[in-house]
PDB file of N, CA and C in Angstrom:
ATOM      1  N   UNK A   1     124.635  67.169 109.625  1.00  0.00           N
ATOM      2  CA  UNK A   1     123.485  68.512 109.301  1.00  0.00           C
ATOM      3  C   UNK A   1     121.957  67.416 109.489  1.00  0.00           C
ATOM      4  N   UNK A   2     122.286  66.328 109.320  1.00  0.00           N
ATOM      5  CA  UNK A   2     120.710  65.933 109.831  1.00  0.00           C
ATOM      6  C   UNK A   2     120.404  65.606 111.547  1.00  0.00           C
ATOM      7  N   UNK A   3     121.252  65.490 112.338  1.00  0.00           N
ATOM      8  CA  UNK A   3     120.990  65.611 113.416  1.00  0.00           C
ATOM      9  C   UNK A   3     120.830  66.748 113.791  1.00  0.00           C
ATOM     10  N   UNK A   4     121.763  67.948 113.518  1.00  0.00           N
ATOM     11  CA  UNK A   4     121.187  68.961 113.697  1.00  0.00           C
ATOM     12  C   UNK A   4     119.385  69.355 113.472  1.00  0.00           C
ATOM     13  N   UNK A   5     119.172  69.017 112.039  1.00  0.00           N
ATOM     14  CA  UNK A   5     117.570  69.277 111.589  1.00  0.00           C
ATOM     15  C   UNK A   5     116.461  68.208 112.750  1.00  0.00           C
ATOM     16  N   UNK A   6     116.922  67.081 113.178  1.00  0.00           N
ATOM     17  CA  UNK A   6     116.526  66.308 114.209  1.00  0.00           C
ATOM     18  C   UNK A   6     116.227  67.153 115.105  1.00  0.00           C
ATOM     19  N   UNK A   7     117.193  67.960 115.917  1.00  0.00           N
ATOM     20  CA  UNK A   7     117.540  68.505 117.201  1.00  0.00           C
ATOM     21  C   UNK A   7     116.048  69.555 117.312  1.00  0.00           C
ATOM     22  N   UNK A   8     116.579  70.450 115.298  1.00  0.00           N
ATOM     23  CA  UNK A   8     115.524  71.572 115.323  1.00  0.00           C
ATOM     24  C   UNK A   8     114.043  70.951 115.678  1.00  0.00           C
ATOM     25  N   UNK A   9     113.806  70.106 115.122  1.00  0.00           N
ATOM     26  CA  UNK A   9     112.062  69.240 115.124  1.00  0.00           C
ATOM     27  C   UNK A   9     111.848  69.222 116.497  1.00  0.00           C
ATOM     28  N   UNK A  10     112.757  68.628 117.702  1.00  0.00           N
ATOM     29  CA  UNK A  10     112.678  68.573 118.633  1.00  0.00           C
ATOM     30  C   UNK A  10     112.344  69.739 119.534  1.00  0.00           C
ATOM     31  N   UNK A  11     113.024  70.422 118.965  1.00  0.00           N
ATOM     32  CA  UNK A  11     112.764  71.800 120.098  1.00  0.00           C
ATOM     33  C   UNK A  11     111.919  72.466 119.627  1.00  0.00           C
ATOM     34  N   UNK A  12     110.773  72.486 118.520  1.00  0.00           N
ATOM     35  CA  UNK A  12     109.951  72.589 117.522  1.00  0.00           C
ATOM     36  C   UNK A  12     108.813  72.051 118.276  1.00  0.00           C
ATOM     37  N   UNK A  13     108.492  70.820 118.559  1.00  0.00           N
ATOM     38  CA  UNK A  13     107.674  70.182 119.446  1.00  0.00           C
ATOM     39  C   UNK A  13     107.899  70.729 120.685  1.00  0.00           C
ATOM     40  N   UNK A  14     108.831  70.948 121.508  1.00  0.00           N
ATOM     41  CA  UNK A  14     109.264  71.183 122.956  1.00  0.00           C
ATOM     42  C   UNK A  14     108.244  72.533 122.862  1.00  0.00           C
ATOM     43  N   UNK A  15     108.879  73.517 122.227  1.00  0.00           N
ATOM     44  CA  UNK A  15     108.339  74.808 122.206  1.00  0.00           C
ATOM     45  C   UNK A  15     106.696  74.731 121.665  1.00  0.00           C
ATOM     46  N   UNK A  16     106.140  73.608 121.164  1.00  0.00           N
ATOM     47  CA  UNK A  16     104.298  74.088 120.717  1.00  0.00           C
ATOM     48  C   UNK A  16     103.818  73.318 122.125  1.00  0.00           C
ATOM     49  N   UNK A  17     104.246  72.771 122.658  1.00  0.00           N
ATOM     50  CA  UNK A  17     103.392  72.348 123.917  1.00  0.00           C
ATOM     51  C   UNK A  17     103.645  73.684 125.238  1.00  0.00           C
ATOM     52  N   UNK A  18     104.588  74.392 125.074  1.00  0.00           N
ATOM     53  CA  UNK A  18     104.336  75.668 126.213  1.00  0.00           C
ATOM     54  C   UNK A  18     103.835  76.525 125.391  1.00  0.00           C
ATOM     55  N   UNK A  19     102.855  76.420 124.638  1.00  0.00           N
ATOM     56  CA  UNK A  19     101.987  77.313 123.659  1.00  0.00           C
ATOM     57  C   UNK A  19     100.687  77.492 124.482  1.00  0.00           C
ATOM     58  N   UNK A  20      99.816  78.465 124.886  1.00  0.00           N
ATOM     59  CA  UNK A  20      98.890  78.783 125.474  1.00  0.00           C
ATOM     60  C   UNK A  20      97.384  78.883 124.313  1.00  0.00           C
ATOM     61  N   UNK A  21      96.688  78.236 123.977  1.00  0.00           N
ATOM     62  CA  UNK A  21      95.843  78.431 123.131  1.00  0.00           C
ATOM     63  C   UNK A  21      94.624  78.928 123.584  1.00  0.00           C
ATOM     64  N   UNK A  22      94.501  80.301 122.685  1.00  0.00           N
ATOM     65  CA  UNK A  22      93.355  81.106 123.542  1.00  0.00           C
ATOM     66  C   UNK A  22      92.284  80.187 123.146  1.00  0.00           C
ATOM     67  N   UNK A  23      91.015  81.039 124.625  1.00  0.00           N
ATOM     68  CA  UNK A  23      89.928  79.836 124.991  1.00  0.00           C
ATOM     69  C   UNK A  23      88.966  80.494 123.513  1.00  0.00           C
ATOM     70  N   UNK A  24      87.983  79.965 122.957  1.00  0.00           N
ATOM     71  CA  UNK A  24      86.556  80.334 121.913  1.00  0.00           C
ATOM     72  C   UNK A  24      86.440  81.768 122.685  1.00  0.00           C
ATOM     73  N   UNK A  25      85.980  82.031 123.727  1.00  0.00           N
ATOM     74  CA  UNK A  25      85.311  83.130 124.343  1.00  0.00           C
ATOM     75  C   UNK A  25      86.630  84.148 124.106  1.00  0.00           C
ATOM     76  N   UNK A  26      87.993  84.207 124.051  1.00  0.00           N
ATOM     77  CA  UNK A  26      88.968  85.166 123.837  1.00  0.00           C
ATOM     78  C   UNK A  26      88.741  85.494 122.277  1.00  0.00           C
ATOM     79  N   UNK A  27      88.457  84.395 121.683  1.00  0.00           N
ATOM     80  CA  UNK A  27      88.693  84.830 120.214  1.00  0.00           C
ATOM     81  C   UNK A  27      87.616  85.192 119.871  1.00  0.00           C
ATOM     82  N   UNK A  28      86.628  84.831 119.855  1.00  0.00           N
ATOM     83  CA  UNK A  28      85.335  85.529 119.486  1.00  0.00           C
ATOM     84  C   UNK A  28      85.494  87.325 119.812  1.00  0.00           C
ATOM     85  N   UNK A  29      85.807  87.567 121.362  1.00  0.00           N
ATOM     86  CA  UNK A  29      85.974  88.744 121.670  1.00  0.00           C
ATOM     87  C   UNK A  29      86.756  90.011 120.960  1.00  0.00           C
ATOM     88  N   UNK A  30      87.769  88.863 120.819  1.00  0.00           N
ATOM     89  CA  UNK A  30      89.172  89.931 119.303  1.00  0.00           C
ATOM     90  C   UNK A  30      88.812  89.895 117.992  1.00  0.00           C
ATOM     91  N   UNK A  31      88.006  89.048 117.935  1.00  0.00           N
ATOM     92  CA  UNK A  31      87.324  89.054 116.798  1.00  0.00           C
ATOM     93  C   UNK A  31      86.162  90.414 116.235  1.00  0.00           C
ATOM     94  N   UNK A  32      85.486  90.376 117.534  1.00  0.00           N
ATOM     95  CA  UNK A  32      84.238  91.331 117.206  1.00  0.00           C
ATOM     96  C   UNK A  32      85.269  92.681 117.316  1.00  0.00           C
ATOM     97  N   UNK A  33      85.799  93.050 117.959  1.00  0.00           N
ATOM     98  CA  UNK A  33      86.732  94.469 117.985  1.00  0.00           C
ATOM     99  C   UNK A  33      87.801  94.464 116.554  1.00  0.00           C
ATOM    100  N   UNK A  34      88.223  93.353 116.453  1.00  0.00           N
ATOM    101  CA  UNK A  34      88.705  93.491 114.787  1.00  0.00           C
ATOM    102  C   UNK A  34      87.160  94.368 114.097  1.00  0.00           C
ATOM    103  N   UNK A  35      86.677  93.324 113.920  1.00  0.00           N
ATOM    104  CA  UNK A  35      85.816  93.684 112.819  1.00  0.00           C
ATOM    105  C   UNK A  35      84.755  95.095 112.962  1.00  0.00           C
ATOM    106  N   UNK A  36      84.648  95.612 114.318  1.00  0.00           N
ATOM    107  CA  UNK A  36      84.053  96.836 114.645  1.00  0.00           C
ATOM    108  C   UNK A  36      84.963  98.119 114.348  1.00  0.00           C
ATOM    109  N   UNK A  37      86.763  97.861 114.764  1.00  0.00           N
ATOM    110  CA  UNK A  37      87.634  98.608 114.681  1.00  0.00           C
ATOM    111  C   UNK A  37      87.933  98.997 112.795  1.00  0.00           C
ATOM    112  N   UNK A  38      87.834  97.964 112.030  1.00  0.00           N
ATOM    113  CA  UNK A  38      87.863  98.061 110.799  1.00  0.00           C
ATOM    114  C   UNK A  38      86.218  98.522 109.714  1.00  0.00           C
ATOM    115  N   UNK A  39      85.404  98.929 110.434  1.00  0.00           N
ATOM    116  CA  UNK A  39      84.377  99.488 109.870  1.00  0.00           C
ATOM    117  C   UNK A  39      84.635 100.782 110.495  1.00  0.00           C
ATOM    118  N   UNK A  40      85.044 101.289 111.987  1.00  0.00           N
ATOM    119  CA  UNK A  40      84.746 102.422 111.845  1.00  0.00           C
ATOM    120  C   UNK A  40      85.931 103.164 111.589  1.00  0.00           C
ATOM    121  N   UNK A  41      87.437 102.560 111.466  1.00  0.00           N
ATOM    122  CA  UNK A  41      88.596 103.439 110.506  1.00  0.00           C
ATOM    123  C   UNK A  41      88.247 103.345 108.681  1.00  0.00           C
ATOM    124  N   UNK A  42      86.786 102.386 108.231  1.00  0.00           N
ATOM    125  CA  UNK A  42      86.643 102.487 107.023  1.00  0.00           C
ATOM    126  C   UNK A  42      86.041 103.804 106.496  1.00  0.00           C
ATOM    127  N   UNK A  43      84.532 103.892 107.796  1.00  0.00           N
ATOM    128  CA  UNK A  43      83.984 105.262 107.939  1.00  0.00           C
ATOM    129  C   UNK A  43      84.751 106.449 107.269  1.00  0.00           C
ATOM    130  N   UNK A  44      86.020 106.480 108.858  1.00  0.00           N
ATOM    131  CA  UNK A  44      86.331 107.616 108.889  1.00  0.00           C
ATOM    132  C   UNK A  44      87.625 108.039 107.545  1.00  0.00           C
ATOM    133  N   UNK A  45      87.903 106.805 106.859  1.00  0.00           N
ATOM    134  CA  UNK A  45      88.529 107.168 105.383  1.00  0.00           C
ATOM    135  C   UNK A  45      87.792 107.440 104.374  1.00  0.00           C
ATOM    136  N   UNK A  46      86.588 106.551 104.482  1.00  0.00           N
ATOM    137  CA  UNK A  46      85.381 107.844 103.536  1.00  0.00           C
ATOM    138  C   UNK A  46      85.022 108.635 103.584  1.00  0.00           C
ATOM    139  N   UNK A  47      85.224 108.998 104.929  1.00  0.00           N
ATOM    140  CA  UNK A  47      84.819 111.017 105.533  1.00  0.00           C
ATOM    141  C   UNK A  47      85.944 111.642 104.301  1.00  0.00           C
ATOM    142  N   UNK A  48      86.857 110.993 105.379  1.00  0.00           N
ATOM    143  CA  UNK A  48      88.009 111.885 104.481  1.00  0.00           C
ATOM    144  C   UNK A  48      88.446 111.946 103.488  1.00  0.00           C
ATOM    145  N   UNK A  49      88.011 111.210 102.609  1.00  0.00           N
ATOM    146  CA  UNK A  49      87.897 110.648 101.162  1.00  0.00           C
ATOM    147  C   UNK A  49      86.965 111.964 100.559  1.00  0.00           C
ATOM    148  N   UNK A  50      85.966 112.189 100.982  1.00  0.00           N
ATOM    149  CA  UNK A  50      84.474 112.643 100.537  1.00  0.00           C
ATOM    150  C   UNK A  50      85.247 114.382 100.730  1.00  0.00           C
ATOM    151  N   UNK A  51      86.109 114.567 102.100  1.00  0.00           N
ATOM    152  CA  UNK A  51      85.774 115.995 102.193  1.00  0.00           C
ATOM    153  C   UNK A  51      87.134 115.939 101.556  1.00  0.00           C
ATOM    154  N   UNK A  52      88.400 115.574 101.167  1.00  0.00           N
ATOM    155  CA  UNK A  52      89.022 116.305 100.237  1.00  0.00           C
ATOM    156  C   UNK A  52      88.707 116.156  98.859  1.00  0.00           C
ATOM    157  N   UNK A  53      88.051 115.244  98.368  1.00  0.00           N
ATOM    158  CA  UNK A  53      87.515 115.549  96.885  1.00  0.00           C
ATOM    159  C   UNK A  53      86.979 116.484  96.833  1.00  0.00           C
ATOM    160  N   UNK A  54      85.659 117.313  98.091  1.00  0.00           N
ATOM    161  CA  UNK A  54      85.016 118.198  97.464  1.00  0.00           C
ATOM    162  C   UNK A  54      86.339 119.440  97.528  1.00  0.00           C
ATOM    163  N   UNK A  55      86.736 119.660  98.951  1.00  0.00           N
ATOM    164  CA  UNK A  55      88.021 120.734  98.688  1.00  0.00           C
ATOM    165  C   UNK A  55      89.554 120.293  98.022  1.00  0.00           C
ATOM    166  N   UNK A  56      89.517 119.578  96.832  1.00  0.00           N
ATOM    167  CA  UNK A  56      90.417 119.550  95.479  1.00  0.00           C
ATOM    168  C   UNK A  56      89.102 120.078  94.549  1.00  0.00           C
ATOM    169  N   UNK A  57      88.050 119.452  93.833  1.00  0.00           N
ATOM    170  CA  UNK A  57      87.156 120.086  93.577  1.00  0.00           C
ATOM    171  C   UNK A  57      86.694 121.686  93.646  1.00  0.00           C
ATOM    172  N   UNK A  58      86.687 121.993  94.901  1.00  0.00           N
ATOM    173  CA  UNK A  58      86.695 123.612  95.199  1.00  0.00           C
ATOM    174  C   UNK A  58      87.930 124.494  94.561  1.00  0.00           C
ATOM    175  N   UNK A  59      88.848 123.846  94.920  1.00  0.00           N
ATOM    176  CA  UNK A  59      90.289 124.474  94.648  1.00  0.00           C
ATOM    177  C   UNK A  59      90.642 124.757  92.569  1.00  0.00           C
ATOM    178  N   UNK A  60      90.217 123.702  91.780  1.00  0.00           N
ATOM    179  CA  UNK A  60      90.015 123.724  90.578  1.00  0.00           C
ATOM    180  C   UNK A  60      89.043 124.622  90.234  1.00  0.00           C
ATOM    181  N   UNK A  61      87.812 124.510  90.909  1.00  0.00           N
ATOM    182  CA  UNK A  61      87.137 125.630  90.299  1.00  0.00           C
ATOM    183  C   UNK A  61      87.137 127.233  90.739  1.00  0.00           C
ATOM    184  N   UNK A  62      87.670 127.434  92.044  1.00  0.00           N
ATOM    185  CA  UNK A  62      88.385 128.284  92.609  1.00  0.00           C
ATOM    186  C   UNK A  62      89.378 129.281  91.625  1.00  0.00           C
ATOM    187  N   UNK A  63      90.898 128.300  91.250  1.00  0.00           N
ATOM    188  CA  UNK A  63      91.927 128.877  90.788  1.00  0.00           C
ATOM    189  C   UNK A  63      91.723 128.457  88.959  1.00  0.00           C
ATOM    190  N   UNK A  64      90.455 127.925  88.332  1.00  0.00           N
ATOM    191  CA  UNK A  64      90.362 128.208  87.293  1.00  0.00           C
ATOM    192  C   UNK A  64      89.412 129.066  86.805  1.00  0.00           C
TER     193      UNK A  64
END
């Protein structure tokens, strides 16, 4: 079992050497995309919430 664990660690180390890490410019660009996307979806969901709230309020007033 210990030999298998040591072999596993060697394979993990070998796989880490194959990893290509992104450059700073790539990380910066994708971070900006994620932040902008969060704001866009946040605004969209806020607008849908306002519209649905007004529709439900109107329906309660109309049917009561």
